[in-house]
PDB file of N, CA and C in Angstrom:
ATOM      1  N   MET A   1       9.808   9.119 -51.566  1.00  0.00           N
ATOM      2  CA  MET A   1       9.716   9.161 -53.006  1.00  0.00           C
ATOM      3  C   MET A   1       8.260   9.358 -53.383  1.00  0.00           C
ATOM      4  N   GLY A   2       7.950  10.430 -54.121  1.00  0.00           N
ATOM      5  CA  GLY A   2       6.587  10.732 -54.532  1.00  0.00           C
ATOM      6  C   GLY A   2       6.182   9.977 -55.777  1.00  0.00           C
ATOM      7  N   VAL A   3       4.897   9.932 -56.006  1.00  0.00           N
ATOM      8  CA  VAL A   3       4.343   9.277 -57.182  1.00  0.00           C
ATOM      9  C   VAL A   3       3.534  10.302 -57.962  1.00  0.00           C
ATOM     10  N   THR A   4       3.762  10.381 -59.264  1.00  0.00           N
ATOM     11  CA  THR A   4       2.983  11.254 -60.130  1.00  0.00           C
ATOM     12  C   THR A   4       2.034  10.385 -60.942  1.00  0.00           C
ATOM     13  N   ILE A   5       0.757  10.704 -60.894  1.00  0.00           N
ATOM     14  CA  ILE A   5      -0.240   9.947 -61.644  1.00  0.00           C
ATOM     15  C   ILE A   5      -0.746  10.829 -62.768  1.00  0.00           C
ATOM     16  N   LEU A   6      -0.620  10.347 -63.985  1.00  0.00           N
ATOM     17  CA  LEU A   6      -1.100  11.078 -65.151  1.00  0.00           C
ATOM     18  C   LEU A   6      -2.492  10.577 -65.505  1.00  0.00           C
ATOM     19  N   ASP A   7      -3.409  11.495 -65.736  1.00  0.00           N
ATOM     20  CA  ASP A   7      -4.787  11.149 -66.058  1.00  0.00           C
ATOM     21  C   ASP A   7      -4.986  11.244 -67.564  1.00  0.00           C
ATOM     22  N   PRO A   8      -5.141  10.100 -68.251  1.00  0.00           N
ATOM     23  CA  PRO A   8      -5.268  10.110 -69.711  1.00  0.00           C
ATOM     24  C   PRO A   8      -6.678  10.389 -70.217  1.00  0.00           C
ATOM     25  N   THR A   9      -7.584  10.790 -69.342  1.00  0.00           N
ATOM     26  CA  THR A   9      -8.979  10.947 -69.757  1.00  0.00           C
ATOM     27  C   THR A   9      -9.281  12.295 -70.391  1.00  0.00           C
ATOM     28  N   ALA A  10      -8.316  13.219 -70.406  1.00  0.00           N
ATOM     29  CA  ALA A  10      -8.495  14.553 -70.995  1.00  0.00           C
ATOM     30  C   ALA A  10      -9.631  15.320 -70.331  1.00  0.00           C
ATOM     31  N   GLU A  11      -9.802  15.105 -69.040  1.00  0.00           N
ATOM     32  CA  GLU A  11     -10.821  15.831 -68.284  1.00  0.00           C
ATOM     33  C   GLU A  11     -10.444  17.309 -68.261  1.00  0.00           C
ATOM     34  N   GLY A  12     -11.410  18.206 -68.373  1.00  0.00           N
ATOM     35  CA  GLY A  12     -11.161  19.632 -68.307  1.00  0.00           C
ATOM     36  C   GLY A  12     -10.750  20.072 -66.918  1.00  0.00           C
ATOM     37  N   GLU A  13     -11.290  19.446 -65.916  1.00  0.00           N
ATOM     38  CA  GLU A  13     -10.979  19.725 -64.519  1.00  0.00           C
ATOM     39  C   GLU A  13     -10.390  18.461 -63.895  1.00  0.00           C
ATOM     40  N   PRO A  14      -9.474  18.610 -62.957  1.00  0.00           N
ATOM     41  CA  PRO A  14      -8.931  17.422 -62.283  1.00  0.00           C
ATOM     42  C   PRO A  14     -10.045  16.612 -61.618  1.00  0.00           C
ATOM     43  N   VAL A  15      -9.925  15.310 -61.676  1.00  0.00           N
ATOM     44  CA  VAL A  15     -10.903  14.413 -61.083  1.00  0.00           C
ATOM     45  C   VAL A  15     -10.253  13.717 -59.898  1.00  0.00           C
ATOM     46  N   ALA A  16     -10.941  13.726 -58.754  1.00  0.00           N
ATOM     47  CA  ALA A  16     -10.412  13.052 -57.570  1.00  0.00           C
ATOM     48  C   ALA A  16     -10.424  11.542 -57.805  1.00  0.00           C
ATOM     49  N   ARG A  17      -9.328  10.904 -57.511  1.00  0.00           N
ATOM     50  CA  ARG A  17      -9.211   9.456 -57.668  1.00  0.00           C
ATOM     51  C   ARG A  17      -8.845   8.852 -56.316  1.00  0.00           C
ATOM     52  N   THR A  18      -9.431   7.717 -55.987  1.00  0.00           N
ATOM     53  CA  THR A  18      -9.105   7.024 -54.753  1.00  0.00           C
ATOM     54  C   THR A  18      -8.031   5.998 -55.066  1.00  0.00           C
ATOM     55  N   LEU A  19      -6.946   6.036 -54.333  1.00  0.00           N
ATOM     56  CA  LEU A  19      -5.850   5.103 -54.530  1.00  0.00           C
ATOM     57  C   LEU A  19      -5.789   4.124 -53.367  1.00  0.00           C
ATOM     58  N   ALA A  20      -5.226   2.970 -53.632  1.00  0.00           N
ATOM     59  CA  ALA A  20      -5.028   1.987 -52.568  1.00  0.00           C
ATOM     60  C   ALA A  20      -4.086   2.578 -51.524  1.00  0.00           C
ATOM     61  N   PRO A  21      -4.261   2.207 -50.273  1.00  0.00           N
ATOM     62  CA  PRO A  21      -3.384   2.731 -49.233  1.00  0.00           C
ATOM     63  C   PRO A  21      -1.925   2.410 -49.534  1.00  0.00           C
ATOM     64  N   ARG A  22      -1.039   3.339 -49.223  1.00  0.00           N
ATOM     65  CA  ARG A  22       0.397   3.165 -49.452  1.00  0.00           C
ATOM     66  C   ARG A  22       1.048   2.715 -48.153  1.00  0.00           C
ATOM     67  N   ASP A  23       0.757   1.501 -47.747  1.00  0.00           N
ATOM     68  CA  ASP A  23       1.288   0.996 -46.487  1.00  0.00           C
ATOM     69  C   ASP A  23       2.440   0.021 -46.678  1.00  0.00           C
ATOM     70  N   GLY A  24       2.944  -0.089 -47.900  1.00  0.00           N
ATOM     71  CA  GLY A  24       4.049  -1.004 -48.162  1.00  0.00           C
ATOM     72  C   GLY A  24       3.618  -2.431 -48.471  1.00  0.00           C
ATOM     73  N   THR A  25       2.330  -2.705 -48.399  1.00  0.00           N
ATOM     74  CA  THR A  25       1.816  -4.034 -48.704  1.00  0.00           C
ATOM     75  C   THR A  25       1.968  -4.310 -50.193  1.00  0.00           C
ATOM     76  N   ALA A  26       2.447  -5.495 -50.514  1.00  0.00           N
ATOM     77  CA  ALA A  26       2.554  -5.879 -51.925  1.00  0.00           C
ATOM     78  C   ALA A  26       1.161  -5.926 -52.537  1.00  0.00           C
ATOM     79  N   ARG A  27       1.084  -5.524 -53.775  1.00  0.00           N
ATOM     80  CA  ARG A  27      -0.192  -5.495 -54.504  1.00  0.00           C
ATOM     81  C   ARG A  27      -0.132  -6.467 -55.686  1.00  0.00           C
ATOM     82  N   ARG A  28      -1.310  -6.860 -56.140  1.00  0.00           N
ATOM     83  CA  ARG A  28      -1.409  -7.648 -57.369  1.00  0.00           C
ATOM     84  C   ARG A  28      -1.808  -6.680 -58.474  1.00  0.00           C
ATOM     85  N   ILE A  29      -0.962  -6.590 -59.482  1.00  0.00           N
ATOM     86  CA  ILE A  29      -1.151  -5.603 -60.538  1.00  0.00           C
ATOM     87  C   ILE A  29      -1.314  -6.312 -61.880  1.00  0.00           C
ATOM     88  N   ALA A  30      -2.391  -5.982 -62.580  1.00  0.00           N
ATOM     89  CA  ALA A  30      -2.633  -6.532 -63.911  1.00  0.00           C
ATOM     90  C   ALA A  30      -1.899  -5.693 -64.938  1.00  0.00           C
ATOM     91  N   LEU A  31      -1.187  -6.350 -65.829  1.00  0.00           N
ATOM     92  CA  LEU A  31      -0.552  -5.701 -66.970  1.00  0.00           C
ATOM     93  C   LEU A  31      -1.285  -6.175 -68.214  1.00  0.00           C
ATOM     94  N   VAL A  32      -1.938  -5.259 -68.898  1.00  0.00           N
ATOM     95  CA  VAL A  32      -2.772  -5.606 -70.049  1.00  0.00           C
ATOM     96  C   VAL A  32      -2.080  -5.161 -71.330  1.00  0.00           C
ATOM     97  N   ASP A  33      -1.776  -6.124 -72.165  1.00  0.00           N
ATOM     98  CA  ASP A  33      -1.218  -5.854 -73.491  1.00  0.00           C
ATOM     99  C   ASP A  33      -2.398  -5.649 -74.424  1.00  0.00           C
ATOM    100  N   ILE A  34      -2.513  -4.461 -75.014  1.00  0.00           N
ATOM    101  CA  ILE A  34      -3.659  -4.209 -75.888  1.00  0.00           C
ATOM    102  C   ILE A  34      -3.388  -4.648 -77.329  1.00  0.00           C
ATOM    103  N   ARG A  35      -2.226  -5.258 -77.552  1.00  0.00           N
ATOM    104  CA  ARG A  35      -1.843  -5.841 -78.849  1.00  0.00           C
ATOM    105  C   ARG A  35      -1.354  -4.820 -79.872  1.00  0.00           C
ATOM    106  N   LYS A  36      -0.887  -3.676 -79.398  1.00  0.00           N
ATOM    107  CA  LYS A  36      -0.220  -2.743 -80.304  1.00  0.00           C
ATOM    108  C   LYS A  36       1.243  -3.160 -80.386  1.00  0.00           C
ATOM    109  N   PRO A  37       1.901  -2.911 -81.518  1.00  0.00           N
ATOM    110  CA  PRO A  37       3.306  -3.301 -81.656  1.00  0.00           C
ATOM    111  C   PRO A  37       4.178  -2.722 -80.542  1.00  0.00           C
ATOM    112  N   ARG A  38       5.025  -3.547 -79.982  1.00  0.00           N
ATOM    113  CA  ARG A  38       6.006  -3.224 -78.949  1.00  0.00           C
ATOM    114  C   ARG A  38       5.413  -2.940 -77.574  1.00  0.00           C
ATOM    115  N   GLY A  39       4.110  -3.081 -77.414  1.00  0.00           N
ATOM    116  CA  GLY A  39       3.514  -2.931 -76.096  1.00  0.00           C
ATOM    117  C   GLY A  39       4.065  -3.955 -75.123  1.00  0.00           C
ATOM    118  N   ASP A  40       4.351  -5.152 -75.621  1.00  0.00           N
ATOM    119  CA  ASP A  40       4.909  -6.200 -74.767  1.00  0.00           C
ATOM    120  C   ASP A  40       6.290  -5.826 -74.235  1.00  0.00           C
ATOM    121  N   VAL A  41       7.064  -5.081 -75.014  1.00  0.00           N
ATOM    122  CA  VAL A  41       8.389  -4.637 -74.576  1.00  0.00           C
ATOM    123  C   VAL A  41       8.244  -3.702 -73.375  1.00  0.00           C
ATOM    124  N   PHE A  42       7.304  -2.777 -73.466  1.00  0.00           N
ATOM    125  CA  PHE A  42       7.021  -1.868 -72.357  1.00  0.00           C
ATOM    126  C   PHE A  42       6.597  -2.650 -71.120  1.00  0.00           C
ATOM    127  N   LEU A  43       5.659  -3.592 -71.298  1.00  0.00           N
ATOM    128  CA  LEU A  43       5.154  -4.351 -70.158  1.00  0.00           C
ATOM    129  C   LEU A  43       6.220  -5.253 -69.546  1.00  0.00           C
ATOM    130  N   ASP A  44       7.126  -5.787 -70.345  1.00  0.00           N
ATOM    131  CA  ASP A  44       8.220  -6.596 -69.793  1.00  0.00           C
ATOM    132  C   ASP A  44       9.030  -5.783 -68.793  1.00  0.00           C
ATOM    133  N   GLU A  45       9.324  -4.546 -69.132  1.00  0.00           N
ATOM    134  CA  GLU A  45      10.112  -3.690 -68.240  1.00  0.00           C
ATOM    135  C   GLU A  45       9.310  -3.294 -67.001  1.00  0.00           C
ATOM    136  N   ILE A  46       8.050  -2.957 -67.184  1.00  0.00           N
ATOM    137  CA  ILE A  46       7.193  -2.630 -66.035  1.00  0.00           C
ATOM    138  C   ILE A  46       7.083  -3.829 -65.106  1.00  0.00           C
ATOM    139  N   GLU A  47       6.906  -5.018 -65.672  1.00  0.00           N
ATOM    140  CA  GLU A  47       6.809  -6.222 -64.846  1.00  0.00           C
ATOM    141  C   GLU A  47       8.087  -6.421 -64.032  1.00  0.00           C
ATOM    142  N   ARG A  48       9.236  -6.253 -64.662  1.00  0.00           N
ATOM    143  CA  ARG A  48      10.505  -6.418 -63.960  1.00  0.00           C
ATOM    144  C   ARG A  48      10.589  -5.455 -62.771  1.00  0.00           C
ATOM    145  N   LEU A  49      10.234  -4.194 -63.012  1.00  0.00           N
ATOM    146  CA  LEU A  49      10.305  -3.189 -61.950  1.00  0.00           C
ATOM    147  C   LEU A  49       9.327  -3.483 -60.814  1.00  0.00           C
ATOM    148  N   LEU A  50       8.122  -3.897 -61.163  1.00  0.00           N
ATOM    149  CA  LEU A  50       7.128  -4.212 -60.132  1.00  0.00           C
ATOM    150  C   LEU A  50       7.548  -5.413 -59.295  1.00  0.00           C
ATOM    151  N   ARG A  51       8.039  -6.451 -59.946  1.00  0.00           N
ATOM    152  CA  ARG A  51       8.474  -7.646 -59.207  1.00  0.00           C
ATOM    153  C   ARG A  51       9.660  -7.333 -58.288  1.00  0.00           C
ATOM    154  N   GLU A  52      10.572  -6.467 -58.756  1.00  0.00           N
ATOM    155  CA  GLU A  52      11.692  -6.043 -57.903  1.00  0.00           C
ATOM    156  C   GLU A  52      11.190  -5.393 -56.623  1.00  0.00           C
ATOM    157  N   ARG A  53      10.047  -4.744 -56.702  1.00  0.00           N
ATOM    158  CA  ARG A  53       9.476  -4.056 -55.551  1.00  0.00           C
ATOM    159  C   ARG A  53       8.544  -4.945 -54.742  1.00  0.00           C
ATOM    160  N   GLY A  54       8.466  -6.223 -55.101  1.00  0.00           N
ATOM    161  CA  GLY A  54       7.696  -7.189 -54.321  1.00  0.00           C
ATOM    162  C   GLY A  54       6.244  -7.358 -54.697  1.00  0.00           C
ATOM    163  N   HIS A  55       5.824  -6.777 -55.803  1.00  0.00           N
ATOM    164  CA  HIS A  55       4.428  -6.891 -56.217  1.00  0.00           C
ATOM    165  C   HIS A  55       4.224  -8.148 -57.049  1.00  0.00           C
ATOM    166  N   GLU A  56       3.018  -8.675 -56.992  1.00  0.00           N
ATOM    167  CA  GLU A  56       2.628  -9.800 -57.842  1.00  0.00           C
ATOM    168  C   GLU A  56       2.084  -9.216 -59.136  1.00  0.00           C
ATOM    169  N   VAL A  57       2.407  -9.839 -60.253  1.00  0.00           N
ATOM    170  CA  VAL A  57       1.986  -9.331 -61.556  1.00  0.00           C
ATOM    171  C   VAL A  57       1.160 -10.384 -62.275  1.00  0.00           C
ATOM    172  N   GLN A  58       0.034  -9.959 -62.824  1.00  0.00           N
ATOM    173  CA  GLN A  58      -0.807 -10.822 -63.651  1.00  0.00           C
ATOM    174  C   GLN A  58      -0.784 -10.268 -65.070  1.00  0.00           C
ATOM    175  N   ARG A  59      -0.194 -11.003 -65.996  1.00  0.00           N
ATOM    176  CA  ARG A  59      -0.142 -10.564 -67.404  1.00  0.00           C
ATOM    177  C   ARG A  59      -1.376 -11.083 -68.128  1.00  0.00           C
ATOM    178  N   THR A  60      -1.934 -10.221 -68.937  1.00  0.00           N
ATOM    179  CA  THR A  60      -3.079 -10.595 -69.747  1.00  0.00           C
ATOM    180  C   THR A  60      -3.059  -9.750 -71.017  1.00  0.00           C
ATOM    181  N   ALA A  61      -3.933 -10.070 -71.959  1.00  0.00           N
ATOM    182  CA  ALA A  61      -3.949  -9.327 -73.221  1.00  0.00           C
ATOM    183  C   ALA A  61      -5.360  -9.295 -73.783  1.00  0.00           C
ATOM    184  N   LYS A  62      -5.652  -8.198 -74.477  1.00  0.00           N
ATOM    185  CA  LYS A  62      -6.900  -8.110 -75.222  1.00  0.00           C
ATOM    186  C   LYS A  62      -6.740  -8.927 -76.501  1.00  0.00           C
ATOM    187  N   PRO A  63      -7.833  -9.426 -77.062  1.00  0.00           N
ATOM    188  CA  PRO A  63      -7.733 -10.156 -78.321  1.00  0.00           C
ATOM    189  C   PRO A  63      -7.232  -9.273 -79.469  1.00  0.00           C
ATOM    190  N   THR A  64      -7.626  -7.995 -79.473  1.00  0.00           N
ATOM    191  CA  THR A  64      -7.224  -7.068 -80.521  1.00  0.00           C
ATOM    192  C   THR A  64      -7.273  -5.644 -79.974  1.00  0.00           C
ATOM    193  N   PHE A  65      -6.437  -4.762 -80.500  1.00  0.00           N
ATOM    194  CA  PHE A  65      -6.450  -3.383 -80.019  1.00  0.00           C
ATOM    195  C   PHE A  65      -7.624  -2.585 -80.564  1.00  0.00           C
ATOM    196  N   THR A  66      -8.341  -3.124 -81.535  1.00  0.00           N
ATOM    197  CA  THR A  66      -9.424  -2.377 -82.174  1.00  0.00           C
ATOM    198  C   THR A  66     -10.738  -2.417 -81.398  1.00  0.00           C
ATOM    199  N   LYS A  67     -10.815  -3.251 -80.361  1.00  0.00           N
ATOM    200  CA  LYS A  67     -12.059  -3.380 -79.594  1.00  0.00           C
ATOM    201  C   LYS A  67     -11.754  -3.310 -78.103  1.00  0.00           C
ATOM    202  N   PRO A  68     -12.758  -2.936 -77.303  1.00  0.00           N
ATOM    203  CA  PRO A  68     -12.565  -2.944 -75.848  1.00  0.00           C
ATOM    204  C   PRO A  68     -12.282  -4.358 -75.342  1.00  0.00           C
ATOM    205  N   ALA A  69     -11.669  -4.440 -74.179  1.00  0.00           N
ATOM    206  CA  ALA A  69     -11.433  -5.750 -73.565  1.00  0.00           C
ATOM    207  C   ALA A  69     -12.772  -6.422 -73.293  1.00  0.00           C
ATOM    208  N   PRO A  70     -12.842  -7.734 -73.498  1.00  0.00           N
ATOM    209  CA  PRO A  70     -14.087  -8.456 -73.231  1.00  0.00           C
ATOM    210  C   PRO A  70     -14.513  -8.309 -71.768  1.00  0.00           C
ATOM    211  N   ALA A  71     -15.807  -8.370 -71.539  1.00  0.00           N
ATOM    212  CA  ALA A  71     -16.350  -8.194 -70.187  1.00  0.00           C
ATOM    213  C   ALA A  71     -15.766  -9.198 -69.197  1.00  0.00           C
ATOM    214  N   ASP A  72     -15.580 -10.446 -69.613  1.00  0.00           N
ATOM    215  CA  ASP A  72     -15.042 -11.447 -68.678  1.00  0.00           C
ATOM    216  C   ASP A  72     -13.599 -11.124 -68.278  1.00  0.00           C
ATOM    217  N   LEU A  73     -12.816 -10.571 -69.187  1.00  0.00           N
ATOM    218  CA  LEU A  73     -11.450 -10.167 -68.868  1.00  0.00           C
ATOM    219  C   LEU A  73     -11.457  -8.995 -67.886  1.00  0.00           C
ATOM    220  N   ARG A  74     -12.304  -8.020 -68.126  1.00  0.00           N
ATOM    221  CA  ARG A  74     -12.413  -6.874 -67.214  1.00  0.00           C
ATOM    222  C   ARG A  74     -12.863  -7.324 -65.825  1.00  0.00           C
ATOM    223  N   ARG A  75     -13.813  -8.238 -65.778  1.00  0.00           N
ATOM    224  CA  ARG A  75     -14.324  -8.747 -64.502  1.00  0.00           C
ATOM    225  C   ARG A  75     -13.223  -9.486 -63.743  1.00  0.00           C
ATOM    226  N   GLU A  76     -12.466 -10.329 -64.445  1.00  0.00           N
ATOM    227  CA  GLU A  76     -11.381 -11.080 -63.802  1.00  0.00           C
ATOM    228  C   GLU A  76     -10.346 -10.130 -63.193  1.00  0.00           C
ATOM    229  N   ILE A  77      -9.977  -9.112 -63.935  1.00  0.00           N
ATOM    230  CA  ILE A  77      -9.004  -8.136 -63.429  1.00  0.00           C
ATOM    231  C   ILE A  77      -9.571  -7.424 -62.205  1.00  0.00           C
ATOM    232  N   ALA A  78     -10.821  -6.973 -62.276  1.00  0.00           N
ATOM    233  CA  ALA A  78     -11.437  -6.247 -61.164  1.00  0.00           C
ATOM    234  C   ALA A  78     -11.528  -7.105 -59.911  1.00  0.00           C
ATOM    235  N   GLU A  79     -11.776  -8.401 -60.073  1.00  0.00           N
ATOM    236  CA  GLU A  79     -11.929  -9.292 -58.925  1.00  0.00           C
ATOM    237  C   GLU A  79     -10.604  -9.699 -58.293  1.00  0.00           C
ATOM    238  N   HIS A  80      -9.528  -9.752 -59.085  1.00  0.00           N
ATOM    239  CA  HIS A  80      -8.279 -10.317 -58.586  1.00  0.00           C
ATOM    240  C   HIS A  80      -7.108  -9.351 -58.473  1.00  0.00           C
ATOM    241  N   CYS A  81      -7.253  -8.142 -58.951  1.00  0.00           N
ATOM    242  CA  CYS A  81      -6.113  -7.224 -58.977  1.00  0.00           C
ATOM    243  C   CYS A  81      -6.430  -5.919 -58.257  1.00  0.00           C
ATOM    244  N   ASP A  82      -5.360  -5.292 -57.749  1.00  0.00           N
ATOM    245  CA  ASP A  82      -5.494  -4.018 -57.051  1.00  0.00           C
ATOM    246  C   ASP A  82      -5.313  -2.820 -57.988  1.00  0.00           C
ATOM    247  N   ALA A  83      -4.654  -3.042 -59.118  1.00  0.00           N
ATOM    248  CA  ALA A  83      -4.385  -1.961 -60.065  1.00  0.00           C
ATOM    249  C   ALA A  83      -4.204  -2.554 -61.450  1.00  0.00           C
ATOM    250  N   VAL A  84      -4.288  -1.674 -62.468  1.00  0.00           N
ATOM    251  CA  VAL A  84      -4.139  -2.098 -63.869  1.00  0.00           C
ATOM    252  C   VAL A  84      -3.222  -1.122 -64.592  1.00  0.00           C
ATOM    253  N   ILE A  85      -2.338  -1.671 -65.404  1.00  0.00           N
ATOM    254  CA  ILE A  85      -1.512  -0.873 -66.316  1.00  0.00           C
ATOM    255  C   ILE A  85      -1.718  -1.440 -67.703  1.00  0.00           C
ATOM    256  N   GLU A  86      -2.097  -0.572 -68.658  1.00  0.00           N
ATOM    257  CA  GLU A  86      -2.254  -0.985 -70.046  1.00  0.00           C
ATOM    258  C   GLU A  86      -1.062  -0.498 -70.855  1.00  0.00           C
ATOM    259  N   ALA A  87      -0.651  -1.314 -71.806  1.00  0.00           N
ATOM    260  CA  ALA A  87       0.467  -0.929 -72.667  1.00  0.00           C
ATOM    261  C   ALA A  87      -0.051  -0.313 -73.954  1.00  0.00           C
ATOM    262  N   LEU A  88       0.443   0.879 -74.255  1.00  0.00           N
ATOM    263  CA  LEU A  88       0.165   1.536 -75.523  1.00  0.00           C
ATOM    264  C   LEU A  88       1.505   1.796 -76.174  1.00  0.00           C
ATOM    265  N   ALA A  89       1.688   1.334 -77.375  1.00  0.00           N
ATOM    266  CA  ALA A  89       2.975   1.558 -78.075  1.00  0.00           C
ATOM    267  C   ALA A  89       2.772   1.414 -79.566  1.00  0.00           C
ATOM    268  N   ASP A  90       3.735   1.881 -80.302  1.00  0.00           N
ATOM    269  CA  ASP A  90       3.796   1.722 -81.755  1.00  0.00           C
ATOM    270  C   ASP A  90       5.233   1.864 -82.180  1.00  0.00           C
TER     271      ASP A  90
END
């Protein structure tokens, strides 16, 4: 089963990205709710799917969608998680 990764950065040219090895090892994945309406609904489903596949999930949220995540939140995710998924919804 292949994986398609969409790059939301609107780069003009494709950018090489390094991914964690796909060796079947469970990963710790941060799910970040940016506080847009219904983003939590999206993350609930993603969390269910990830847990079914044996991954550990860390749920967190930004204080508000109008500002970047605080530095301490970004640092915590970088130190403890292998990947991040942010919820965008309306």
